[in-house]
């Protein structure tokens, strides 16, 4: 299995999906809604990008499809639900650390104001 760092940098859509799944299992449309809400609509994933990226994350074993479902009155049988894997969480953490380091470097060079 590859190391988390070997998969970096992550495409932005992949990172947003992993962040969305970090705190809850979700189906595709719920992932789209969560990403839009977390980013104040700055990031909106279309269905093609979402499902192409989900397939890549499944292939890399960063997420998995799960069989647990909500109560039938709250569910649509066509939905597929996804969960981040332990490896996916490690990759997301590594990407977050990489991005934090980039922000630190930008701040040190004066591109971003220093924190008050």
Protein backbone atom coordinates (compact mmCIF):
# COMPACT_ATOMS: atom_id res chain seq x y z
CA UNK A 1 0.00 0.00 0.00
CA UNK A 2 1.27 3.49 -0.77
CA UNK A 3 2.12 5.98 1.96
CA UNK A 4 -0.26 8.89 2.54
CA UNK A 5 2.41 11.33 1.34
CA UNK A 6 2.82 9.45 -1.95
CA UNK A 7 -0.74 10.47 -2.93
CA UNK A 8 -0.10 14.18 -2.41
CA UNK A 9 -0.97 16.71 -3.58
CA UNK A 10 -4.62 15.70 -3.69
CA UNK A 11 -6.89 17.20 -6.32
CA UNK A 12 -9.09 19.81 -4.61
CA UNK A 13 -12.29 17.82 -5.25
CA UNK A 14 -10.78 14.74 -3.59
CA UNK A 15 -9.70 16.72 -0.53
CA UNK A 16 -13.13 18.32 -0.17
CA UNK A 17 -14.82 14.91 -0.39
CA UNK A 18 -12.50 13.44 2.26
CA UNK A 19 -13.15 16.44 4.54
CA UNK A 20 -16.90 16.01 4.03
CA UNK A 21 -16.71 12.32 4.98
CA UNK A 22 -14.35 12.90 7.92
CA UNK A 23 -17.20 13.62 10.33
CA UNK A 24 -20.09 11.62 8.87
CA UNK A 25 -21.05 9.01 6.30
CA UNK A 26 -22.85 10.58 3.36
CA UNK A 27 -24.40 9.83 -0.01
CA UNK A 28 -23.31 11.71 -3.12
CA UNK A 29 -25.84 14.53 -3.08
CA UNK A 30 -25.24 15.08 0.65
CA UNK A 31 -21.50 15.37 -0.09
CA UNK A 32 -22.23 18.06 -2.70
CA UNK A 33 -24.44 19.95 -0.23
CA UNK A 34 -21.92 19.64 2.61
CA UNK A 35 -19.03 20.94 0.50
CA UNK A 36 -21.10 23.89 -0.69
CA UNK A 37 -22.13 24.69 2.91
CA UNK A 38 -18.59 24.37 4.30
CA UNK A 39 -17.22 26.69 1.62
CA UNK A 40 -20.11 29.19 1.54
CA UNK A 41 -20.78 28.05 -2.05
CA UNK A 42 -17.21 28.88 -3.12
CA UNK A 43 -16.80 25.21 -4.14
CA UNK A 44 -19.57 23.46 -6.00
CA UNK A 45 -19.02 19.99 -7.39
CA UNK A 46 -21.07 18.82 -10.32
CA UNK A 47 -22.27 15.22 -10.47
CA UNK A 48 -19.68 14.17 -13.07
CA UNK A 49 -16.76 15.52 -11.02
CA UNK A 50 -18.20 14.08 -7.82
CA UNK A 51 -18.73 10.54 -9.08
CA UNK A 52 -15.49 10.43 -11.09
CA UNK A 53 -13.61 11.51 -7.96
CA UNK A 54 -15.54 9.10 -5.73
CA UNK A 55 -14.57 6.25 -8.06
CA UNK A 56 -10.90 7.28 -7.86
CA UNK A 57 -11.09 7.47 -4.04
CA UNK A 58 -12.72 4.03 -3.92
CA UNK A 59 -9.98 2.61 -6.18
CA UNK A 60 -7.30 4.13 -3.91
CA UNK A 61 -9.11 2.76 -0.83
CA UNK A 62 -9.45 6.23 0.67
CA UNK A 63 -13.21 5.76 1.01
CA UNK A 64 -15.52 2.76 0.97
CA UNK A 65 -19.12 2.21 0.06
CA UNK A 66 -21.13 1.11 3.08
CA UNK A 67 -24.25 -0.97 3.36
CA UNK A 68 -25.70 0.67 6.48
CA UNK A 69 -28.66 2.84 5.59
CA UNK A 70 -30.96 5.25 7.40
CA UNK A 71 -34.57 4.40 8.17
CA UNK A 72 -36.50 3.61 4.96
CA UNK A 73 -38.67 6.74 5.27
CA UNK A 74 -35.48 8.85 5.27
CA UNK A 75 -33.76 6.97 2.45
CA UNK A 76 -33.86 6.48 -1.28
CA UNK A 77 -32.74 3.00 -2.33
CA UNK A 78 -30.83 4.46 -5.30
CA UNK A 79 -28.43 6.28 -3.00
CA UNK A 80 -24.98 4.93 -2.29
CA UNK A 81 -23.39 5.84 1.02
CA UNK A 82 -19.68 6.39 1.56
CA UNK A 83 -17.31 6.41 4.54
CA UNK A 84 -13.72 7.57 4.84
CA UNK A 85 -11.24 4.76 5.58
CA UNK A 86 -8.43 4.87 8.11
CA UNK A 87 -6.00 5.27 5.22
CA UNK A 88 -8.19 8.00 3.71
CA UNK A 89 -8.14 9.86 7.02
CA UNK A 90 -4.32 9.62 7.10
CA UNK A 91 -4.11 10.97 3.53
CA UNK A 92 -6.50 13.83 4.36
CA UNK A 93 -4.42 14.70 7.44
CA UNK A 94 -1.22 14.66 5.37
CA UNK A 95 -2.82 16.93 2.76
CA UNK A 96 -4.09 19.32 5.46
CA UNK A 97 -0.56 19.48 6.92
CA UNK A 98 0.89 20.13 3.45
CA UNK A 99 -1.59 22.95 2.86
CA UNK A 100 -0.92 24.44 6.32
CA UNK A 101 2.80 24.49 5.51
CA UNK A 102 2.10 26.31 2.23
CA UNK A 103 0.07 28.91 4.14
CA UNK A 104 2.91 29.25 6.66
CA UNK A 105 5.40 29.86 3.84
CA UNK A 106 3.09 32.41 2.18
CA UNK A 107 2.63 34.21 5.49
CA UNK A 108 6.39 34.24 6.14
CA UNK A 109 7.01 35.81 2.74
CA UNK A 110 4.40 38.53 3.31
CA UNK A 111 1.84 37.22 0.84
CA UNK A 112 -0.66 36.71 3.66
CA UNK A 113 -0.85 39.10 6.62
CA UNK A 114 0.57 37.72 9.84
CA UNK A 115 -1.99 36.75 12.47
CA UNK A 116 -2.72 39.48 15.00
